[in-house]
Amino acid sequence: MNQKTIYRLVLLPLLAAVTLWTACSKQSEPAEHDEHAGHQHGEAASETKDPPGGKICPEHNVPASECGICKPLLAATLKPGESAKVRLAASDSAAIAGVETATPTIGTISDAVECYAELTFNQNKLAQIAAPVGGILQEVTADLGSKVEEKQMVAKIWSAAIAEAVAKAVLSHQTLDRERKLRADRVTSEKDLQQAEADHRTACQQLRMLGFTEEQIDVLGAKPHEQVLMEVRAPFAGEIVERSAVRGALVEAGKPLFTLTDRSVMWAMLNLAESALDRVKVGQTVELRVESLPGRTFTGKLTWIGAEVDEKTRMARARAEVANPEGLLKARMFAQARLLTRTTAGALLLPSSAIQRVEGKRFVFVRLADDLFDARAVRLGASHEGSVEIVEGLKPQEVVAVNHAFSLKSALLIWRLGAGCADD
């Protein structure tokens, strides 16, 4: 941490607090007081009469019932919209401490459940292209990363089983032609012709099961002596992400040759805390951010929530489908996910640096004068990227300390240093 950072985080808040303490200490000497005893805080410190029904704090020139410095327990009792007054030592105390002010902005913000996610391939668009028959790989036409179209050939296999099936189909076709001629000459019976037709259908059906079309079967029948190769084709358009096929290799039926996937849509597997499950439902928008792609946000939809919670982690699994048109998202990437549970337009927004925590409550400091601030209890809503929604306790036109507000918090809590100076 450099000296400039230490100055901002430590010295400035202490400067404001010590300045206020010193001023209060001077006022605590009753022998020095005149008939107008009390701090002189710039222009705002002129003589003020007691308000109707209440007394003025002689030390800070604010209603005694609202003096946050003199009543250290007041902050814990405040509800959203209620406040305690904080009088600084001088009109330039806030400026010395580096306090910056601004009015709230109006914008759109979403409340969300945040969690971690791991990207995987879309299981509905993932396929293993396997060898339909045992044989020898004669040709491999696809490689890792290849983009293939539906029904595109990716390999060719020579198989003894295919050669045998082709031979049976050719023989059955020849037998059928002969039986038809014999039947036309009334040499053979109708039963023999029917048997020949059945045998031919069976032989052709075996080839169809291996992936041959009617046209290919007809070509094979016309060229019985040519080598027959089984063409392996892609079931859908996608990208080859795994390959085990090697030309000349002997493969068994069912052995995977390639893994094909369509990466235009990826799955994000989310881990949701049990406490957040009542806020999430299928159909909600999910935003993903990946460390390796800074500045990019990917949007998807929640499509599934698991039916059980892990007994050890108390986390539930969920799935989101995320568009990946540029192919930037890859399987096994980790991501930070936000499930948008509520989106508010026209929300009152402040930077998170404006929010201070006192006695377990959230406060902002509203400027009333150069040396006077309202420590206002507020109720917060959604927060995202350094912005916080103020749901209750603040008006759009009010001026709030948005930077170095910790200095004002130090002034409010100066009683912890023994500087409280009001008589109850």
Protein backbone atom coordinates (compact mmCIF):
# COMPACT_ATOMS: atom_id res chain seq x y z
CA MET A 1 0.00 0.00 0.00
CA ASN A 2 1.57 3.33 -1.05
CA GLN A 3 1.71 6.51 1.02
CA LYS A 4 -1.08 8.17 -0.95
CA THR A 5 -3.47 5.31 -0.22
CA ILE A 6 -2.56 5.32 3.50
CA TYR A 7 -3.19 9.05 3.59
CA ARG A 8 -6.65 8.70 2.11
CA LEU A 9 -7.77 5.67 4.11
CA VAL A 10 -6.29 6.50 7.51
CA LEU A 11 -5.01 10.04 7.93
CA LEU A 12 -7.95 11.92 6.40
CA PRO A 13 -10.66 10.26 8.55
CA LEU A 14 -8.48 10.74 11.66
CA LEU A 15 -7.90 14.38 10.75
CA ALA A 16 -11.63 15.05 10.62
CA ALA A 17 -12.22 13.21 13.88
CA VAL A 18 -9.33 14.86 15.74
CA THR A 19 -10.33 18.30 14.48
CA LEU A 20 -13.86 17.79 15.77
CA TRP A 21 -12.61 16.38 19.07
CA THR A 22 -10.31 19.39 19.60
CA ALA A 23 -13.14 21.78 18.95
CA CYS A 24 -15.40 19.93 21.38
CA SER A 25 -12.70 19.91 24.04
CA LYS A 26 -12.37 23.67 23.90
CA GLN A 27 -16.09 24.09 24.34
CA SER A 28 -16.07 21.81 27.39
CA GLU A 29 -14.30 24.52 29.48
CA PRO A 30 -17.26 26.27 31.19
CA ALA A 31 -15.04 29.07 32.57
CA GLU A 32 -14.37 30.25 29.06
CA HIS A 33 -18.04 30.30 27.97
CA ASP A 34 -19.94 33.53 27.68
CA GLU A 35 -23.69 33.97 27.60
CA HIS A 36 -23.76 32.55 24.08
CA ALA A 37 -21.76 29.41 24.95
CA GLY A 38 -21.44 26.87 22.16
CA HIS A 39 -19.24 26.03 19.21
CA GLN A 40 -18.93 28.59 16.49
CA HIS A 41 -19.15 26.46 13.30
CA GLY A 42 -18.80 29.03 10.54
CA GLU A 43 -21.90 30.76 9.27
CA ALA A 44 -24.14 27.95 10.48
CA ALA A 45 -23.05 28.49 14.09
CA SER A 46 -25.00 31.68 14.76
CA GLU A 47 -27.08 31.85 17.92
CA THR A 48 -30.02 29.48 17.68
CA LYS A 49 -32.94 29.48 20.04
CA ASP A 50 -34.35 26.27 21.42
CA PRO A 51 -36.91 24.82 19.02
CA PRO A 52 -40.47 24.43 20.24
CA GLY A 53 -40.73 21.36 22.44
CA GLY A 54 -36.99 20.61 22.47
CA LYS A 55 -33.56 21.81 23.55
CA ILE A 56 -30.56 22.79 21.48
CA CYS A 57 -27.33 20.89 22.04
CA PRO A 58 -24.97 23.60 23.36
CA GLU A 59 -21.95 21.83 21.97
CA HIS A 60 -23.08 21.28 18.38
CA ASN A 61 -25.94 23.73 17.90
CA VAL A 62 -28.44 21.08 16.74
CA PRO A 63 -31.57 19.74 18.44
CA ALA A 64 -30.29 17.78 21.43
CA SER A 65 -32.56 14.83 20.61
CA GLU A 66 -30.94 14.54 17.15
CA CYS A 67 -27.29 15.06 18.04
CA GLY A 68 -25.53 11.95 16.87
CA ILE A 69 -22.24 12.87 18.57
CA CYS A 70 -23.71 13.51 21.99
CA LYS A 71 -26.13 10.59 21.85
CA PRO A 72 -23.94 7.65 20.80
CA LEU A 73 -26.75 5.13 21.15
CA LEU A 74 -29.08 7.03 18.83
CA ALA A 75 -27.82 5.44 15.61
CA ALA A 76 -28.84 1.95 16.70
CA THR A 77 -32.48 3.05 17.14
CA LEU A 78 -32.96 4.77 13.80
CA LYS A 79 -35.29 3.38 11.15
CA PRO A 80 -34.91 4.00 7.39
CA GLY A 81 -35.54 7.70 6.77
CA GLU A 82 -34.64 8.73 10.33
CA SER A 83 -31.36 10.49 11.04
CA ALA A 84 -28.90 11.89 13.52
CA LYS A 85 -27.14 15.21 13.06
CA VAL A 86 -23.35 15.38 12.76
CA ARG A 87 -21.80 18.82 13.28
CA LEU A 88 -18.19 19.22 12.14
CA ALA A 89 -15.62 21.48 13.79
CA ALA A 90 -15.50 24.00 10.97
CA SER A 91 -17.04 24.74 7.61
CA ASP A 92 -13.95 23.41 5.80
CA SER A 93 -13.58 20.18 7.85
CA ALA A 94 -15.31 18.06 5.19
CA ALA A 95 -13.15 19.54 2.45
CA ILE A 96 -9.97 18.88 4.45
CA ALA A 97 -11.03 15.24 4.87
CA GLY A 98 -11.60 14.95 1.10
CA VAL A 99 -15.36 14.42 1.34
CA GLU A 100 -17.05 14.64 -2.06
CA THR A 101 -20.80 15.00 -2.50
CA ALA A 102 -23.33 14.37 -5.25
CA THR A 103 -27.01 13.72 -5.77
CA PRO A 104 -28.24 10.17 -6.43
CA THR A 105 -28.58 9.02 -10.03
CA ILE A 106 -31.66 7.44 -11.54
CA GLY A 107 -31.15 4.21 -13.46
CA THR A 108 -31.93 0.55 -13.92
CA ILE A 109 -30.46 -2.11 -11.66
CA SER A 110 -31.12 -5.81 -11.18
CA ASP A 111 -31.18 -7.79 -8.00
CA ALA A 112 -29.46 -11.11 -8.50
CA VAL A 113 -28.24 -14.34 -6.99
CA GLU A 114 -24.52 -14.69 -7.60
CA CYS A 115 -22.72 -18.01 -7.84
CA TYR A 116 -19.97 -19.87 -9.69
CA ALA A 117 -20.49 -21.88 -12.84
CA GLU A 118 -18.61 -24.30 -15.07
CA LEU A 119 -19.18 -24.36 -18.81
CA THR A 120 -19.84 -27.63 -20.61
CA PHE A 121 -20.92 -28.69 -24.08
CA ASN A 122 -24.63 -28.72 -24.87
CA GLN A 123 -25.46 -32.37 -24.19
CA ASN A 124 -28.36 -32.20 -26.66
CA LYS A 125 -25.86 -31.31 -29.39
CA LEU A 126 -23.05 -33.70 -28.48
CA ALA A 127 -22.46 -36.98 -30.30
CA GLN A 128 -19.86 -39.68 -30.60
CA ILE A 129 -19.37 -40.79 -34.19
CA ALA A 130 -18.61 -44.49 -33.86
CA ALA A 131 -17.58 -47.21 -36.32
CA PRO A 132 -20.83 -48.87 -37.48
CA VAL A 133 -18.93 -52.09 -38.31
CA GLY A 134 -15.58 -53.60 -37.52
CA GLY A 135 -12.96 -53.07 -40.20
CA ILE A 136 -9.99 -51.03 -41.37
CA LEU A 137 -10.04 -47.24 -41.63
CA GLN A 138 -9.18 -46.55 -45.24
CA GLU A 139 -9.69 -42.78 -45.16
CA VAL A 140 -10.09 -40.04 -42.53
CA THR A 141 -11.40 -36.71 -43.85
CA ALA A 142 -12.07 -34.76 -40.60
CA ASP A 143 -9.62 -33.44 -38.05
CA LEU A 144 -9.76 -31.73 -34.65
CA GLY A 145 -11.50 -28.38 -34.99
CA SER A 146 -13.03 -29.24 -38.35
CA LYS A 147 -16.43 -27.71 -39.01
CA VAL A 148 -18.66 -30.29 -40.67
CA GLU A 149 -22.15 -30.18 -42.12
CA GLU A 150 -24.97 -32.60 -41.47
CA LYS A 151 -24.44 -35.92 -43.31
CA GLN A 152 -20.91 -34.91 -44.32
CA MET A 153 -18.50 -37.85 -44.67
CA VAL A 154 -15.76 -37.93 -42.03
CA ALA A 155 -14.21 -41.38 -42.66
CA LYS A 156 -14.38 -44.55 -44.78
CA ILE A 157 -14.10 -48.13 -43.51
CA TRP A 158 -13.42 -51.36 -45.37
CA SER A 159 -15.12 -54.29 -43.69
CA ALA A 160 -15.38 -57.98 -44.41
CA ALA A 161 -18.87 -57.87 -42.98
CA ILE A 162 -19.85 -55.24 -45.53
CA ALA A 163 -18.29 -57.24 -48.37
CA GLU A 164 -20.25 -60.29 -47.26
CA ALA A 165 -23.48 -58.31 -46.99
CA VAL A 166 -22.96 -56.85 -50.46
CA ALA A 167 -22.28 -60.30 -51.89
CA LYS A 168 -25.49 -61.62 -50.36
CA ALA A 169 -27.47 -58.70 -51.75
CA VAL A 170 -26.01 -59.18 -55.25
CA LEU A 171 -26.62 -62.93 -55.15
CA SER A 172 -30.17 -62.50 -53.88
CA HIS A 173 -30.87 -59.98 -56.62
CA GLN A 174 -29.59 -62.38 -59.29
CA THR A 175 -31.66 -65.20 -57.81
CA LEU A 176 -34.74 -62.99 -57.79
CA ASP A 177 -34.28 -62.08 -61.47
CA ARG A 178 -33.93 -65.75 -62.38
CA GLU A 179 -37.01 -66.76 -60.39
CA ARG A 180 -39.06 -64.01 -62.03
CA LYS A 181 -38.12 -65.30 -65.50
CA LEU A 182 -38.83 -68.91 -64.54
CA ARG A 183 -42.15 -67.94 -63.09
CA ALA A 184 -43.04 -66.02 -66.23
CA ASP A 185 -42.35 -69.24 -68.19
CA ARG A 186 -44.34 -71.20 -65.58
CA VAL A 187 -41.32 -73.32 -64.81
CA THR A 188 -41.19 -72.51 -61.09
CA SER A 189 -43.89 -72.08 -58.49
CA GLU A 190 -45.22 -68.89 -56.92
CA LYS A 191 -43.81 -70.04 -53.61
CA ASP A 192 -40.25 -70.12 -54.98
CA LEU A 193 -40.65 -66.59 -56.33
CA GLN A 194 -41.92 -65.32 -53.00
CA GLN A 195 -39.00 -66.92 -51.20
CA ALA A 196 -36.53 -65.24 -53.58
CA GLU A 197 -38.19 -61.86 -52.97
CA ALA A 198 -38.00 -62.37 -49.19
CA ASP A 199 -34.30 -63.32 -49.35
CA HIS A 200 -33.53 -60.24 -51.41
CA ARG A 201 -35.39 -57.93 -49.00
CA THR A 202 -33.50 -59.42 -46.07
CA ALA A 203 -30.14 -58.92 -47.78
CA CYS A 204 -30.97 -55.30 -48.68
CA GLN A 205 -32.26 -54.62 -45.17
CA GLN A 206 -28.92 -55.69 -43.74
CA LEU A 207 -27.16 -53.13 -45.95
CA ARG A 208 -29.67 -50.45 -45.01
CA MET A 209 -28.91 -51.09 -41.33
CA LEU A 210 -25.25 -50.42 -42.14
CA GLY A 211 -26.19 -47.04 -43.61
CA PHE A 212 -26.45 -47.78 -47.33
CA THR A 213 -29.21 -46.13 -49.31
CA GLU A 214 -31.36 -47.72 -52.01
CA GLU A 215 -29.34 -45.94 -54.68
CA GLN A 216 -26.05 -47.22 -53.24
CA ILE A 217 -27.40 -50.74 -53.08
CA ASP A 218 -28.37 -50.54 -56.76
CA VAL A 219 -24.86 -49.29 -57.64
CA LEU A 220 -23.26 -52.11 -55.64
CA GLY A 221 -25.42 -54.62 -57.44
CA ALA A 222 -24.29 -53.30 -60.80
CA LYS A 223 -20.59 -53.38 -59.78
CA PRO A 224 -20.18 -56.50 -57.65
CA HIS A 225 -16.41 -56.76 -58.08
CA GLU A 226 -15.51 -53.25 -56.85
CA GLN A 227 -14.20 -52.70 -53.32
CA VAL A 228 -16.98 -51.58 -51.00
CA LEU A 229 -16.18 -48.88 -48.40
CA MET A 230 -18.48 -47.87 -45.58
CA GLU A 231 -18.87 -44.08 -45.35
CA VAL A 232 -19.09 -42.67 -41.82
CA ARG A 233 -21.10 -39.44 -41.72
CA ALA A 234 -21.78 -36.64 -39.22
CA PRO A 235 -25.29 -36.79 -37.68
CA PHE A 236 -25.58 -32.98 -37.50
CA ALA A 237 -23.61 -29.84 -38.26
CA GLY A 238 -20.95 -28.99 -35.72
CA GLU A 239 -17.29 -29.07 -34.75
CA ILE A 240 -15.00 -32.05 -34.21
CA VAL A 241 -13.65 -31.72 -30.65
CA GLU A 242 -12.16 -35.19 -30.18
CA ARG A 243 -10.55 -37.60 -32.65
CA SER A 244 -9.25 -41.13 -32.23
CA ALA A 245 -9.55 -42.18 -35.88
CA VAL A 246 -6.22 -43.04 -37.55
CA ARG A 247 -5.92 -44.13 -41.14
CA GLY A 248 -5.09 -47.84 -41.47
CA ALA A 249 -6.19 -48.67 -37.94
CA LEU A 250 -8.26 -51.77 -37.25
CA VAL A 251 -11.44 -50.73 -35.44
CA GLU A 252 -14.22 -52.65 -33.77
CA ALA A 253 -17.89 -52.01 -34.29
CA GLY A 254 -19.07 -49.28 -31.90
CA LYS A 255 -15.62 -47.81 -31.24
CA PRO A 256 -15.76 -43.97 -31.06
CA LEU A 257 -13.90 -42.31 -33.93
CA PHE A 258 -14.84 -38.66 -33.34
CA THR A 259 -16.73 -36.49 -30.86
CA LEU A 260 -18.94 -33.90 -32.51
CA THR A 261 -20.58 -30.92 -30.84
CA ASP A 262 -22.43 -27.76 -31.74
CA ARG A 263 -20.87 -24.92 -29.69
CA SER A 264 -23.32 -22.24 -30.78
CA VAL A 265 -25.09 -22.84 -27.45
CA MET A 266 -23.17 -23.87 -24.32
CA TRP A 267 -24.38 -25.13 -20.97
CA ALA A 268 -23.38 -23.39 -17.75
CA MET A 269 -23.67 -25.69 -14.74
CA LEU A 270 -24.37 -23.52 -11.69
CA ASN A 271 -23.86 -24.21 -7.99
CA LEU A 272 -26.65 -22.52 -6.04
CA ALA A 273 -26.63 -22.05 -2.29
CA GLU A 274 -29.57 -23.69 -0.55
CA SER A 275 -30.55 -20.34 0.96
CA ALA A 276 -31.00 -18.82 -2.52
CA LEU A 277 -33.27 -21.49 -3.99
CA ASP A 278 -36.48 -19.67 -3.05
CA ARG A 279 -35.43 -16.76 -5.30
CA VAL A 280 -34.60 -18.67 -8.47
CA LYS A 281 -36.85 -20.28 -11.05
CA VAL A 282 -36.62 -21.66 -14.55
CA GLY A 283 -36.71 -18.97 -17.23
CA GLN A 284 -34.74 -16.32 -15.35
CA THR A 285 -31.97 -14.47 -17.18
CA VAL A 286 -28.41 -15.49 -16.36
CA GLU A 287 -25.34 -13.30 -16.93
CA LEU A 288 -21.91 -14.90 -17.15
CA ARG A 289 -18.46 -13.34 -16.88
CA VAL A 290 -15.28 -15.25 -17.60
CA GLU A 291 -11.91 -14.18 -16.23
CA SER A 292 -10.14 -14.82 -19.53
CA LEU A 293 -12.60 -12.55 -21.37
CA PRO A 294 -12.63 -9.31 -19.35
CA GLY A 295 -15.33 -6.82 -20.19
CA ARG A 296 -17.55 -9.42 -21.88
CA THR A 297 -20.93 -10.47 -20.51
CA PHE A 298 -22.71 -13.53 -21.90
CA THR A 299 -26.46 -13.86 -21.44
CA GLY A 300 -28.55 -17.00 -21.21
CA LYS A 301 -31.63 -18.56 -19.61
CA LEU A 302 -32.00 -20.87 -16.63
CA THR A 303 -33.45 -24.12 -18.01
CA TRP A 304 -33.17 -26.59 -15.14
CA ILE A 305 -32.88 -26.66 -11.33
CA GLY A 306 -31.74 -29.86 -9.64
CA ALA A 307 -34.12 -31.87 -7.49
CA GLU A 308 -31.70 -32.31 -4.62
CA VAL A 309 -29.12 -30.49 -2.53
CA ASP A 310 -25.66 -31.93 -1.97
CA GLU A 311 -25.52 -33.24 1.58
CA LYS A 312 -21.99 -31.94 2.14
CA THR A 313 -21.83 -28.62 0.31
CA ARG A 314 -25.53 -27.73 0.70
CA MET A 315 -25.46 -26.57 -2.90
CA ALA A 316 -27.97 -27.38 -5.64
CA ARG A 317 -27.08 -27.87 -9.28
CA ALA A 318 -28.75 -25.82 -11.99
CA ARG A 319 -28.26 -25.36 -15.73
CA ALA A 320 -28.36 -22.35 -17.99
CA GLU A 321 -28.18 -22.32 -21.78
CA VAL A 322 -25.90 -19.55 -23.03
CA ALA A 323 -25.55 -18.35 -26.62
CA ASN A 324 -21.98 -18.65 -27.96
CA PRO A 325 -22.18 -17.39 -31.55
CA GLU A 326 -18.51 -16.35 -31.69
CA GLY A 327 -17.27 -19.56 -30.12
CA LEU A 328 -15.45 -17.68 -27.33
CA LEU A 329 -16.84 -19.85 -24.54
CA LYS A 330 -15.14 -23.21 -24.12
CA ALA A 331 -15.94 -26.30 -22.11
CA ARG A 332 -14.55 -26.47 -18.56
CA MET A 333 -14.18 -22.70 -18.29
CA PHE A 334 -15.14 -21.28 -14.91
CA ALA A 335 -17.41 -18.25 -14.76
CA GLN A 336 -19.11 -15.92 -12.33
CA ALA A 337 -22.86 -16.10 -12.81
CA ARG A 338 -25.67 -13.70 -11.87
CA LEU A 339 -29.26 -14.93 -11.90
CA LEU A 340 -31.42 -11.84 -12.30
CA THR A 341 -34.31 -12.20 -9.88
CA ARG A 342 -35.68 -8.63 -10.07
CA THR A 343 -35.03 -5.68 -12.36
CA THR A 344 -35.96 -2.15 -11.28
CA ALA A 345 -36.18 0.78 -13.67
CA GLY A 346 -35.99 4.32 -12.29
CA ALA A 347 -34.10 3.17 -9.19
CA LEU A 348 -32.32 5.63 -6.89
CA LEU A 349 -28.62 4.75 -7.14
CA LEU A 350 -25.53 5.69 -5.14
CA PRO A 351 -21.94 4.47 -5.37
CA SER A 352 -21.15 1.80 -2.78
CA SER A 353 -18.56 4.18 -1.25
CA ALA A 354 -21.46 6.34 -0.01
CA ILE A 355 -22.83 3.56 2.20
CA GLN A 356 -21.50 3.31 5.76
CA ARG A 357 -22.30 0.66 8.36
CA VAL A 358 -23.02 1.85 11.90
CA GLU A 359 -24.34 -0.39 14.66
CA GLY A 360 -25.34 -3.00 12.09
CA LYS A 361 -27.38 -0.50 10.05
CA ARG A 362 -26.71 1.15 6.70
CA PHE A 363 -26.28 4.93 6.63
CA VAL A 364 -25.63 7.70 4.14
CA PHE A 365 -24.51 11.20 5.06
CA VAL A 366 -26.76 13.92 3.63
CA ARG A 367 -25.28 17.42 3.50
CA LEU A 368 -27.36 20.08 5.23
CA ALA A 369 -24.61 22.71 5.40
CA ASP A 370 -20.86 22.87 4.89
CA ASP A 371 -20.30 21.75 8.49
CA LEU A 372 -23.54 19.83 9.11
CA PHE A 373 -24.56 16.39 7.84
CA ASP A 374 -27.50 14.08 8.40
CA ALA A 375 -26.47 10.51 9.24
CA ARG A 376 -29.52 8.99 7.51
CA ALA A 377 -30.54 5.36 7.98
CA VAL A 378 -31.49 3.80 4.62
CA ARG A 379 -32.79 0.51 3.28
CA LEU A 380 -30.79 -0.94 0.42
CA GLY A 381 -31.90 -2.98 -2.56
CA ALA A 382 -29.87 -4.45 -5.39
CA SER A 383 -26.18 -3.78 -5.87
CA HIS A 384 -24.05 -4.27 -8.96
CA GLU A 385 -20.71 -3.02 -10.26
CA GLY A 386 -20.22 -0.46 -7.51
CA SER A 387 -23.78 0.91 -7.56
CA VAL A 388 -26.32 0.39 -4.77
CA GLU A 389 -30.08 0.86 -4.92
CA ILE A 390 -31.59 2.99 -2.15
CA VAL A 391 -35.08 1.63 -1.55
CA GLU A 392 -36.06 3.80 1.40
CA GLY A 393 -34.69 6.78 3.35
CA LEU A 394 -33.44 9.17 0.67
CA LYS A 395 -34.91 11.66 -1.81
CA PRO A 396 -33.58 12.18 -5.35
CA GLN A 397 -32.66 15.85 -4.84
CA GLU A 398 -30.69 15.38 -1.61
CA VAL A 399 -26.91 15.85 -1.69
CA VAL A 400 -24.98 12.88 -0.29
CA ALA A 401 -21.35 12.27 0.63
CA VAL A 402 -20.24 9.79 -2.04
CA ASN A 403 -16.49 9.70 -1.43
CA HIS A 404 -14.50 9.63 1.83
CA ALA A 405 -17.77 9.30 3.74
CA PHE A 406 -15.84 7.27 6.29
CA SER A 407 -14.51 10.57 7.65
CA LEU A 408 -18.05 11.58 8.52
CA LYS A 409 -18.64 8.20 10.11
CA SER A 410 -15.53 8.84 12.25
CA ALA A 411 -17.00 12.16 13.35
CA LEU A 412 -20.28 10.43 14.26
CA LEU A 413 -18.44 7.83 16.30
CA ILE A 414 -16.01 10.24 17.99
CA TRP A 415 -17.65 9.43 21.33
CA ARG A 416 -15.73 6.13 21.19
CA LEU A 417 -12.59 8.21 21.76
CA GLY A 418 -14.11 9.78 24.85
CA ALA A 419 -15.16 12.98 23.14
CA GLY A 420 -18.89 12.90 23.83
CA CYS A 421 -19.71 16.21 25.46
CA ALA A 422 -23.43 16.61 26.07
CA ASP A 423 -25.23 16.28 29.32
CA ASP A 424 -28.21 14.00 29.35
